[in-house]
PDB file of N, CA and C in Angstrom:
ATOM      1  N   MET A   1       4.465  -3.196 -25.580  1.00  0.00           N
ATOM      2  CA  MET A   1       3.855  -4.494 -25.517  1.00  0.00           C
ATOM      3  C   MET A   1       2.990  -4.702 -26.735  1.00  0.00           C
ATOM      4  N   ALA A   2       3.112  -5.864 -27.324  1.00  0.00           N
ATOM      5  CA  ALA A   2       2.307  -6.182 -28.487  1.00  0.00           C
ATOM      6  C   ALA A   2       0.900  -6.523 -28.048  1.00  0.00           C
ATOM      7  N   SER A   3      -0.072  -6.147 -28.865  1.00  0.00           N
ATOM      8  CA  SER A   3      -1.449  -6.497 -28.546  1.00  0.00           C
ATOM      9  C   SER A   3      -1.980  -7.460 -29.597  1.00  0.00           C
ATOM     10  N   ILE A   4      -2.960  -8.237 -29.222  1.00  0.00           N
ATOM     11  CA  ILE A   4      -3.585  -9.210 -30.112  1.00  0.00           C
ATOM     12  C   ILE A   4      -4.947  -8.658 -30.477  1.00  0.00           C
ATOM     13  N   THR A   5      -5.237  -8.572 -31.772  1.00  0.00           N
ATOM     14  CA  THR A   5      -6.514  -8.038 -32.212  1.00  0.00           C
ATOM     15  C   THR A   5      -7.332  -9.152 -32.829  1.00  0.00           C
ATOM     16  N   ASN A   6      -8.564  -9.324 -32.364  1.00  0.00           N
ATOM     17  CA  ASN A   6      -9.483 -10.340 -32.876  1.00  0.00           C
ATOM     18  C   ASN A   6     -10.804  -9.682 -33.220  1.00  0.00           C
ATOM     19  N   SER A   7     -11.549 -10.290 -34.146  1.00  0.00           N
ATOM     20  CA  SER A   7     -12.910  -9.846 -34.427  1.00  0.00           C
ATOM     21  C   SER A   7     -13.856 -10.800 -33.745  1.00  0.00           C
ATOM     22  N   ILE A   8     -14.889 -10.275 -33.143  1.00  0.00           N
ATOM     23  CA  ILE A   8     -15.903 -11.092 -32.517  1.00  0.00           C
ATOM     24  C   ILE A   8     -17.022 -11.267 -33.536  1.00  0.00           C
ATOM     25  N   ILE A   9     -17.345 -12.527 -33.844  1.00  0.00           N
ATOM     26  CA  ILE A   9     -18.399 -12.804 -34.812  1.00  0.00           C
ATOM     27  C   ILE A   9     -19.590 -13.367 -34.056  1.00  0.00           C
ATOM     28  N   GLN A  10     -20.730 -12.708 -34.221  1.00  0.00           N
ATOM     29  CA  GLN A  10     -21.924 -13.116 -33.510  1.00  0.00           C
ATOM     30  C   GLN A  10     -23.094 -13.053 -34.482  1.00  0.00           C
ATOM     31  N   GLY A  11     -23.762 -14.183 -34.691  1.00  0.00           N
ATOM     32  CA  GLY A  11     -24.920 -14.217 -35.601  1.00  0.00           C
ATOM     33  C   GLY A  11     -24.551 -13.859 -37.027  1.00  0.00           C
ATOM     34  N   GLY A  12     -23.344 -14.169 -37.470  1.00  0.00           N
ATOM     35  CA  GLY A  12     -22.920 -13.882 -38.836  1.00  0.00           C
ATOM     36  C   GLY A  12     -22.427 -12.465 -39.048  1.00  0.00           C
ATOM     37  N   PHE A  13     -22.435 -11.635 -38.002  1.00  0.00           N
ATOM     38  CA  PHE A  13     -21.971 -10.251 -38.129  1.00  0.00           C
ATOM     39  C   PHE A  13     -20.684 -10.070 -37.354  1.00  0.00           C
ATOM     40  N   ALA A  14     -19.742  -9.374 -37.935  1.00  0.00           N
ATOM     41  CA  ALA A  14     -18.479  -9.086 -37.250  1.00  0.00           C
ATOM     42  C   ALA A  14     -18.659  -7.812 -36.441  1.00  0.00           C
ATOM     43  N   LEU A  15     -18.396  -7.906 -35.147  1.00  0.00           N
ATOM     44  CA  LEU A  15     -18.469  -6.732 -34.280  1.00  0.00           C
ATOM     45  C   LEU A  15     -17.122  -6.032 -34.287  1.00  0.00           C
ATOM     46  N   SER A  16     -17.045  -4.920 -33.631  1.00  0.00           N
ATOM     47  CA  SER A  16     -15.799  -4.155 -33.615  1.00  0.00           C
ATOM     48  C   SER A  16     -14.655  -4.999 -33.057  1.00  0.00           C
ATOM     49  N   PRO A  17     -13.430  -4.732 -33.498  1.00  0.00           N
ATOM     50  CA  PRO A  17     -12.278  -5.519 -33.044  1.00  0.00           C
ATOM     51  C   PRO A  17     -12.089  -5.426 -31.527  1.00  0.00           C
ATOM     52  N   LEU A  18     -11.622  -6.486 -30.957  1.00  0.00           N
ATOM     53  CA  LEU A  18     -11.344  -6.567 -29.530  1.00  0.00           C
ATOM     54  C   LEU A  18      -9.832  -6.630 -29.350  1.00  0.00           C
ATOM     55  N   THR A  19      -9.292  -5.734 -28.584  1.00  0.00           N
ATOM     56  CA  THR A  19      -7.858  -5.735 -28.331  1.00  0.00           C
ATOM     57  C   THR A  19      -7.606  -6.324 -26.954  1.00  0.00           C
ATOM     58  N   VAL A  20      -6.763  -7.334 -26.889  1.00  0.00           N
ATOM     59  CA  VAL A  20      -6.427  -7.994 -25.640  1.00  0.00           C
ATOM     60  C   VAL A  20      -4.991  -7.649 -25.285  1.00  0.00           C
ATOM     61  N   ARG A  21      -4.805  -7.123 -24.095  1.00  0.00           N
ATOM     62  CA  ARG A  21      -3.461  -6.749 -23.648  1.00  0.00           C
ATOM     63  C   ARG A  21      -3.131  -7.503 -22.373  1.00  0.00           C
ATOM     64  N   PRO A  22      -1.877  -7.822 -22.174  1.00  0.00           N
ATOM     65  CA  PRO A  22      -1.507  -8.485 -20.908  1.00  0.00           C
ATOM     66  C   PRO A  22      -1.776  -7.557 -19.727  1.00  0.00           C
ATOM     67  N   ARG A  23      -2.154  -8.144 -18.591  1.00  0.00           N
ATOM     68  CA  ARG A  23      -2.411  -7.340 -17.392  1.00  0.00           C
ATOM     69  C   ARG A  23      -1.114  -6.826 -16.804  1.00  0.00           C
ATOM     70  N   ARG A  24      -1.176  -5.643 -16.231  1.00  0.00           N
ATOM     71  CA  ARG A  24      -0.019  -5.090 -15.542  1.00  0.00           C
ATOM     72  C   ARG A  24      -0.007  -5.573 -14.110  1.00  0.00           C
ATOM     73  N   MET A  25       1.162  -5.825 -13.589  1.00  0.00           N
ATOM     74  CA  MET A  25       1.286  -6.240 -12.196  1.00  0.00           C
ATOM     75  C   MET A  25       1.344  -5.005 -11.315  1.00  0.00           C
ATOM     76  N   VAL A  26       0.689  -5.081 -10.181  1.00  0.00           N
ATOM     77  CA  VAL A  26       0.715  -3.999  -9.208  1.00  0.00           C
ATOM     78  C   VAL A  26       1.504  -4.490  -8.003  1.00  0.00           C
ATOM     79  N   VAL A  27       2.487  -3.734  -7.611  1.00  0.00           N
ATOM     80  CA  VAL A  27       3.305  -4.084  -6.459  1.00  0.00           C
ATOM     81  C   VAL A  27       2.911  -3.177  -5.306  1.00  0.00           C
ATOM     82  N   VAL A  28       2.544  -3.783  -4.183  1.00  0.00           N
ATOM     83  CA  VAL A  28       2.154  -3.026  -3.002  1.00  0.00           C
ATOM     84  C   VAL A  28       3.273  -3.136  -1.985  1.00  0.00           C
ATOM     85  N   ARG A  29       3.806  -2.000  -1.585  1.00  0.00           N
ATOM     86  CA  ARG A  29       4.867  -1.984  -0.583  1.00  0.00           C
ATOM     87  C   ARG A  29       4.247  -1.903   0.798  1.00  0.00           C
ATOM     88  N   ALA A  30       4.801  -2.679   1.707  1.00  0.00           N
ATOM     89  CA  ALA A  30       4.346  -2.603   3.093  1.00  0.00           C
ATOM     90  C   ALA A  30       5.151  -1.519   3.794  1.00  0.00           C
ATOM     91  N   GLU A  31       4.459  -0.540   4.307  1.00  0.00           N
ATOM     92  CA  GLU A  31       5.116   0.499   5.087  1.00  0.00           C
ATOM     93  C   GLU A  31       4.203   0.922   6.221  1.00  0.00           C
ATOM     94  N   ALA A  32       4.783   1.422   7.266  1.00  0.00           N
ATOM     95  CA  ALA A  32       4.020   1.818   8.451  1.00  0.00           C
ATOM     96  C   ALA A  32       3.047   2.938   8.106  1.00  0.00           C
ATOM     97  N   ILE A  33       1.852   2.869   8.705  1.00  0.00           N
ATOM     98  CA  ILE A  33       0.866   3.932   8.495  1.00  0.00           C
ATOM     99  C   ILE A  33       0.668   4.750   9.761  1.00  0.00           C
ATOM    100  N   ASN A  34       1.301   4.333  10.846  1.00  0.00           N
ATOM    101  CA  ASN A  34       1.246   5.087  12.097  1.00  0.00           C
ATOM    102  C   ASN A  34       2.666   5.516  12.449  1.00  0.00           C
ATOM    103  N   PRO A  35       3.119   6.663  11.925  1.00  0.00           N
ATOM    104  CA  PRO A  35       4.508   7.066  12.140  1.00  0.00           C
ATOM    105  C   PRO A  35       4.824   7.565  13.551  1.00  0.00           C
ATOM    106  N   ASP A  36       3.806   8.093  14.305  1.00  0.00           N
ATOM    107  CA  ASP A  36       4.182   8.685  15.584  1.00  0.00           C
ATOM    108  C   ASP A  36       3.121   8.688  16.679  1.00  0.00           C
ATOM    109  N   ILE A  37       2.008   8.003  16.519  1.00  0.00           N
ATOM    110  CA  ILE A  37       0.961   8.025  17.539  1.00  0.00           C
ATOM    111  C   ILE A  37       1.122   6.835  18.472  1.00  0.00           C
ATOM    112  N   LYS A  38       1.299   7.112  19.769  1.00  0.00           N
ATOM    113  CA  LYS A  38       1.396   6.081  20.816  1.00  0.00           C
ATOM    114  C   LYS A  38       2.390   4.978  20.463  1.00  0.00           C
ATOM    115  N   LYS A  39       3.566   5.340  19.987  1.00  0.00           N
ATOM    116  CA  LYS A  39       4.549   4.344  19.555  1.00  0.00           C
ATOM    117  C   LYS A  39       5.111   3.532  20.718  1.00  0.00           C
ATOM    118  N   ASP A  40       4.894   3.948  21.963  1.00  0.00           N
ATOM    119  CA  ASP A  40       5.370   3.186  23.110  1.00  0.00           C
ATOM    120  C   ASP A  40       4.428   2.026  23.451  1.00  0.00           C
ATOM    121  N   GLU A  41       3.245   1.955  22.801  1.00  0.00           N
ATOM    122  CA  GLU A  41       2.288   0.875  23.041  1.00  0.00           C
ATOM    123  C   GLU A  41       2.460  -0.208  21.976  1.00  0.00           C
ATOM    124  N   PRO A  42       2.244  -1.493  22.343  1.00  0.00           N
ATOM    125  CA  PRO A  42       2.414  -2.571  21.369  1.00  0.00           C
ATOM    126  C   PRO A  42       1.386  -2.529  20.237  1.00  0.00           C
ATOM    127  N   LYS A  43       0.148  -2.074  20.536  1.00  0.00           N
ATOM    128  CA  LYS A  43      -0.870  -1.935  19.500  1.00  0.00           C
ATOM    129  C   LYS A  43      -1.795  -0.800  19.887  1.00  0.00           C
ATOM    130  N   VAL A  44      -2.038   0.113  18.956  1.00  0.00           N
ATOM    131  CA  VAL A  44      -2.912   1.255  19.214  1.00  0.00           C
ATOM    132  C   VAL A  44      -4.350   0.843  18.898  1.00  0.00           C
ATOM    133  N   VAL A  45      -5.172   0.765  19.942  1.00  0.00           N
ATOM    134  CA  VAL A  45      -6.590   0.455  19.810  1.00  0.00           C
ATOM    135  C   VAL A  45      -7.343   1.489  20.634  1.00  0.00           C
ATOM    136  N   ASP A  46      -8.251   2.191  20.016  1.00  0.00           N
ATOM    137  CA  ASP A  46      -9.068   3.163  20.724  1.00  0.00           C
ATOM    138  C   ASP A  46     -10.499   2.650  20.781  1.00  0.00           C
ATOM    139  N   SER A  47     -11.184   2.955  21.875  1.00  0.00           N
ATOM    140  CA  SER A  47     -12.576   2.548  22.059  1.00  0.00           C
ATOM    141  C   SER A  47     -13.450   3.778  22.217  1.00  0.00           C
ATOM    142  N   VAL A  48     -14.645   3.702  21.652  1.00  0.00           N
ATOM    143  CA  VAL A  48     -15.618   4.771  21.758  1.00  0.00           C
ATOM    144  C   VAL A  48     -16.924   4.133  22.206  1.00  0.00           C
ATOM    145  N   VAL A  49     -17.564   4.719  23.209  1.00  0.00           N
ATOM    146  CA  VAL A  49     -18.847   4.210  23.683  1.00  0.00           C
ATOM    147  C   VAL A  49     -19.953   4.997  22.995  1.00  0.00           C
ATOM    148  N   VAL A  50     -20.878   4.273  22.359  1.00  0.00           N
ATOM    149  CA  VAL A  50     -21.968   4.879  21.616  1.00  0.00           C
ATOM    150  C   VAL A  50     -23.262   4.219  22.065  1.00  0.00           C
ATOM    151  N   THR A  51     -24.316   4.991  22.247  1.00  0.00           N
ATOM    152  CA  THR A  51     -25.572   4.421  22.735  1.00  0.00           C
ATOM    153  C   THR A  51     -26.402   3.766  21.639  1.00  0.00           C
ATOM    154  N   GLU A  52     -26.312   4.240  20.411  1.00  0.00           N
ATOM    155  CA  GLU A  52     -27.174   3.737  19.346  1.00  0.00           C
ATOM    156  C   GLU A  52     -26.418   2.833  18.375  1.00  0.00           C
ATOM    157  N   LEU A  53     -26.059   1.637  18.821  1.00  0.00           N
ATOM    158  CA  LEU A  53     -25.430   0.640  17.967  1.00  0.00           C
ATOM    159  C   LEU A  53     -26.270  -0.621  17.990  1.00  0.00           C
ATOM    160  N   SER A  54     -26.266  -1.357  16.889  1.00  0.00           N
ATOM    161  CA  SER A  54     -27.045  -2.602  16.844  1.00  0.00           C
ATOM    162  C   SER A  54     -26.299  -3.762  17.493  1.00  0.00           C
ATOM    163  N   LYS A  55     -24.966  -3.726  17.480  1.00  0.00           N
ATOM    164  CA  LYS A  55     -24.165  -4.786  18.078  1.00  0.00           C
ATOM    165  C   LYS A  55     -23.480  -4.251  19.335  1.00  0.00           C
ATOM    166  N   PRO A  56     -23.148  -5.130  20.288  1.00  0.00           N
ATOM    167  CA  PRO A  56     -22.471  -4.659  21.503  1.00  0.00           C
ATOM    168  C   PRO A  56     -21.048  -4.170  21.249  1.00  0.00           C
ATOM    169  N   LEU A  57     -20.394  -4.681  20.210  1.00  0.00           N
ATOM    170  CA  LEU A  57     -19.019  -4.267  19.897  1.00  0.00           C
ATOM    171  C   LEU A  57     -18.805  -4.372  18.392  1.00  0.00           C
ATOM    172  N   THR A  58     -18.287  -3.322  17.776  1.00  0.00           N
ATOM    173  CA  THR A  58     -17.976  -3.322  16.353  1.00  0.00           C
ATOM    174  C   THR A  58     -16.555  -2.801  16.181  1.00  0.00           C
ATOM    175  N   ALA A  59     -15.711  -3.566  15.468  1.00  0.00           N
ATOM    176  CA  ALA A  59     -14.321  -3.177  15.230  1.00  0.00           C
ATOM    177  C   ALA A  59     -14.179  -2.652  13.803  1.00  0.00           C
ATOM    178  N   TYR A  60     -13.639  -1.439  13.676  1.00  0.00           N
ATOM    179  CA  TYR A  60     -13.416  -0.825  12.372  1.00  0.00           C
ATOM    180  C   TYR A  60     -11.929  -0.809  12.052  1.00  0.00           C
ATOM    181  N   CYS A  61     -11.613  -1.098  10.791  1.00  0.00           N
ATOM    182  CA  CYS A  61     -10.227  -1.189  10.319  1.00  0.00           C
ATOM    183  C   CYS A  61      -9.569   0.185  10.267  1.00  0.00           C
ATOM    184  N   ARG A  62      -8.302   0.234  10.725  1.00  0.00           N
ATOM    185  CA  ARG A  62      -7.505   1.454  10.585  1.00  0.00           C
ATOM    186  C   ARG A  62      -6.193   1.189   9.870  1.00  0.00           C
ATOM    187  N   CYS A  63      -5.985  -0.053   9.409  1.00  0.00           N
ATOM    188  CA  CYS A  63      -4.742  -0.361   8.690  1.00  0.00           C
ATOM    189  C   CYS A  63      -4.954  -0.345   7.176  1.00  0.00           C
ATOM    190  N   TRP A  64      -6.169  -0.274   6.730  1.00  0.00           N
ATOM    191  CA  TRP A  64      -6.538  -0.248   5.311  1.00  0.00           C
ATOM    192  C   TRP A  64      -6.207  -1.555   4.601  1.00  0.00           C
ATOM    193  N   ARG A  65      -6.056  -2.662   5.334  1.00  0.00           N
ATOM    194  CA  ARG A  65      -5.708  -3.944   4.718  1.00  0.00           C
ATOM    195  C   ARG A  65      -6.848  -4.963   4.810  1.00  0.00           C
ATOM    196  N   SER A  66      -7.928  -4.634   5.499  1.00  0.00           N
ATOM    197  CA  SER A  66      -9.005  -5.577   5.780  1.00  0.00           C
ATOM    198  C   SER A  66      -9.742  -6.008   4.515  1.00  0.00           C
ATOM    199  N   GLY A  67     -10.022  -7.297   4.420  1.00  0.00           N
ATOM    200  CA  GLY A  67     -10.825  -7.811   3.319  1.00  0.00           C
ATOM    201  C   GLY A  67     -12.303  -7.524   3.507  1.00  0.00           C
ATOM    202  N   THR A  68     -12.681  -7.073   4.698  1.00  0.00           N
ATOM    203  CA  THR A  68     -14.076  -6.731   4.996  1.00  0.00           C
ATOM    204  C   THR A  68     -14.205  -5.240   5.302  1.00  0.00           C
ATOM    205  N   PHE A  69     -13.298  -4.430   4.753  1.00  0.00           N
ATOM    206  CA  PHE A  69     -13.269  -2.998   5.015  1.00  0.00           C
ATOM    207  C   PHE A  69     -14.654  -2.399   4.807  1.00  0.00           C
ATOM    208  N   PRO A  70     -15.145  -1.567   5.681  1.00  0.00           N
ATOM    209  CA  PRO A  70     -14.472  -0.843   6.754  1.00  0.00           C
ATOM    210  C   PRO A  70     -14.378  -1.611   8.068  1.00  0.00           C
ATOM    211  N   LEU A  71     -14.909  -2.834   8.108  1.00  0.00           N
ATOM    212  CA  LEU A  71     -14.821  -3.606   9.344  1.00  0.00           C
ATOM    213  C   LEU A  71     -13.465  -4.292   9.449  1.00  0.00           C
ATOM    214  N   CYS A  72     -12.979  -4.472  10.650  1.00  0.00           N
ATOM    215  CA  CYS A  72     -11.692  -5.110  10.898  1.00  0.00           C
ATOM    216  C   CYS A  72     -11.817  -6.621  10.757  1.00  0.00           C
ATOM    217  N   ASP A  73     -10.845  -7.246  10.079  1.00  0.00           N
ATOM    218  CA  ASP A  73     -10.799  -8.703   9.995  1.00  0.00           C
ATOM    219  C   ASP A  73      -9.499  -9.262  10.581  1.00  0.00           C
ATOM    220  N   GLY A  74      -8.743  -8.413  11.270  1.00  0.00           N
ATOM    221  CA  GLY A  74      -7.495  -8.848  11.885  1.00  0.00           C
ATOM    222  C   GLY A  74      -6.278  -8.710  10.989  1.00  0.00           C
ATOM    223  N   SER A  75      -6.427  -8.128   9.802  1.00  0.00           N
ATOM    224  CA  SER A  75      -5.308  -7.973   8.868  1.00  0.00           C
ATOM    225  C   SER A  75      -4.184  -7.120   9.434  1.00  0.00           C
ATOM    226  N   HIS A  76      -4.474  -6.290  10.444  1.00  0.00           N
ATOM    227  CA  HIS A  76      -3.447  -5.432  11.036  1.00  0.00           C
ATOM    228  C   HIS A  76      -2.342  -6.261  11.690  1.00  0.00           C
ATOM    229  N   VAL A  77      -2.640  -7.483  12.112  1.00  0.00           N
ATOM    230  CA  VAL A  77      -1.626  -8.334  12.752  1.00  0.00           C
ATOM    231  C   VAL A  77      -0.501  -8.620  11.755  1.00  0.00           C
ATOM    232  N   LYS A  78      -0.854  -9.058  10.547  1.00  0.00           N
ATOM    233  CA  LYS A  78       0.147  -9.331   9.505  1.00  0.00           C
ATOM    234  C   LYS A  78       0.863  -8.043   9.097  1.00  0.00           C
ATOM    235  N   HIS A  79       0.103  -6.964   8.953  1.00  0.00           N
ATOM    236  CA  HIS A  79       0.683  -5.666   8.587  1.00  0.00           C
ATOM    237  C   HIS A  79       1.705  -5.226   9.637  1.00  0.00           C
ATOM    238  N   ASN A  80       1.342  -5.344  10.914  1.00  0.00           N
ATOM    239  CA  ASN A  80       2.250  -4.921  11.987  1.00  0.00           C
ATOM    240  C   ASN A  80       3.527  -5.746  11.999  1.00  0.00           C
ATOM    241  N   LYS A  81       3.430  -7.060  11.761  1.00  0.00           N
ATOM    242  CA  LYS A  81       4.626  -7.912  11.718  1.00  0.00           C
ATOM    243  C   LYS A  81       5.529  -7.538  10.550  1.00  0.00           C
ATOM    244  N   ALA A  82       4.932  -7.216   9.397  1.00  0.00           N
ATOM    245  CA  ALA A  82       5.705  -6.900   8.194  1.00  0.00           C
ATOM    246  C   ALA A  82       6.383  -5.537   8.275  1.00  0.00           C
ATOM    247  N   THR A  83       5.772  -4.594   8.999  1.00  0.00           N
ATOM    248  CA  THR A  83       6.278  -3.216   8.972  1.00  0.00           C
ATOM    249  C   THR A  83       6.833  -2.724  10.305  1.00  0.00           C
ATOM    250  N   GLY A  84       6.569  -3.455  11.384  1.00  0.00           N
ATOM    251  CA  GLY A  84       6.969  -2.953  12.698  1.00  0.00           C
ATOM    252  C   GLY A  84       6.008  -1.903  13.222  1.00  0.00           C
ATOM    253  N   ASP A  85       4.879  -1.737  12.556  1.00  0.00           N
ATOM    254  CA  ASP A  85       3.864  -0.767  12.957  1.00  0.00           C
ATOM    255  C   ASP A  85       3.099  -1.306  14.172  1.00  0.00           C
ATOM    256  N   ASN A  86       2.239  -0.496  14.750  1.00  0.00           N
ATOM    257  CA  ASN A  86       1.454  -0.939  15.903  1.00  0.00           C
ATOM    258  C   ASN A  86      -0.019  -0.554  15.777  1.00  0.00           C
ATOM    259  N   VAL A  87      -0.514  -0.452  14.562  1.00  0.00           N
ATOM    260  CA  VAL A  87      -1.893  -0.035  14.337  1.00  0.00           C
ATOM    261  C   VAL A  87      -2.860  -1.156  14.728  1.00  0.00           C
ATOM    262  N   GLY A  88      -3.998  -0.773  15.258  1.00  0.00           N
ATOM    263  CA  GLY A  88      -5.056  -1.706  15.636  1.00  0.00           C
ATOM    264  C   GLY A  88      -6.397  -1.113  15.273  1.00  0.00           C
ATOM    265  N   PRO A  89      -7.486  -1.811  15.551  1.00  0.00           N
ATOM    266  CA  PRO A  89      -8.801  -1.338  15.135  1.00  0.00           C
ATOM    267  C   PRO A  89      -9.361  -0.228  16.027  1.00  0.00           C
ATOM    268  N   LEU A  90     -10.384   0.420  15.538  1.00  0.00           N
ATOM    269  CA  LEU A  90     -11.200   1.339  16.321  1.00  0.00           C
ATOM    270  C   LEU A  90     -12.395   0.525  16.804  1.00  0.00           C
ATOM    271  N   LEU A  91     -12.589   0.442  18.110  1.00  0.00           N
ATOM    272  CA  LEU A  91     -13.684  -0.339  18.683  1.00  0.00           C
ATOM    273  C   LEU A  91     -14.825   0.579  19.092  1.00  0.00           C
ATOM    274  N   LEU A  92     -16.013   0.334  18.538  1.00  0.00           N
ATOM    275  CA  LEU A  92     -17.203   1.065  18.961  1.00  0.00           C
ATOM    276  C   LEU A  92     -17.995   0.140  19.877  1.00  0.00           C
ATOM    277  N   LYS A  93     -18.220   0.585  21.108  1.00  0.00           N
ATOM    278  CA  LYS A  93     -18.912  -0.225  22.109  1.00  0.00           C
ATOM    279  C   LYS A  93     -20.278   0.372  22.408  1.00  0.00           C
ATOM    280  N   LYS A  94     -21.277  -0.514  22.460  1.00  0.00           N
ATOM    281  CA  LYS A  94     -22.633  -0.073  22.782  1.00  0.00           C
ATOM    282  C   LYS A  94     -22.725   0.185  24.284  1.00  0.00           C
ATOM    283  N   GLN A  95     -23.324   1.289  24.644  1.00  0.00           N
ATOM    284  CA  GLN A  95     -23.433   1.665  26.063  1.00  0.00           C
ATOM    285  C   GLN A  95     -24.631   1.017  26.686  1.00  0.00           C
TER     286      GLN A  95
END
């Protein structure tokens, strides 16, 4: 790939050359992340009861797709449809 080289001029002084390169594209493949745990269930969701939580219920992401990671934002629904997976969040419940 060809690069473009420019000099940055600031206050009458030329700074070191700046090389600009095109960005590379990253391709993310959708594949199942739960190959064998509770595959007979439509969605794997586990709950844990904890006494020292600030909220009554907190959902943590286990699909690694959440925009609010480590908290769950429901991204597992799209992931499960795309891959046939059945992953769901980890729910921490205040006792």
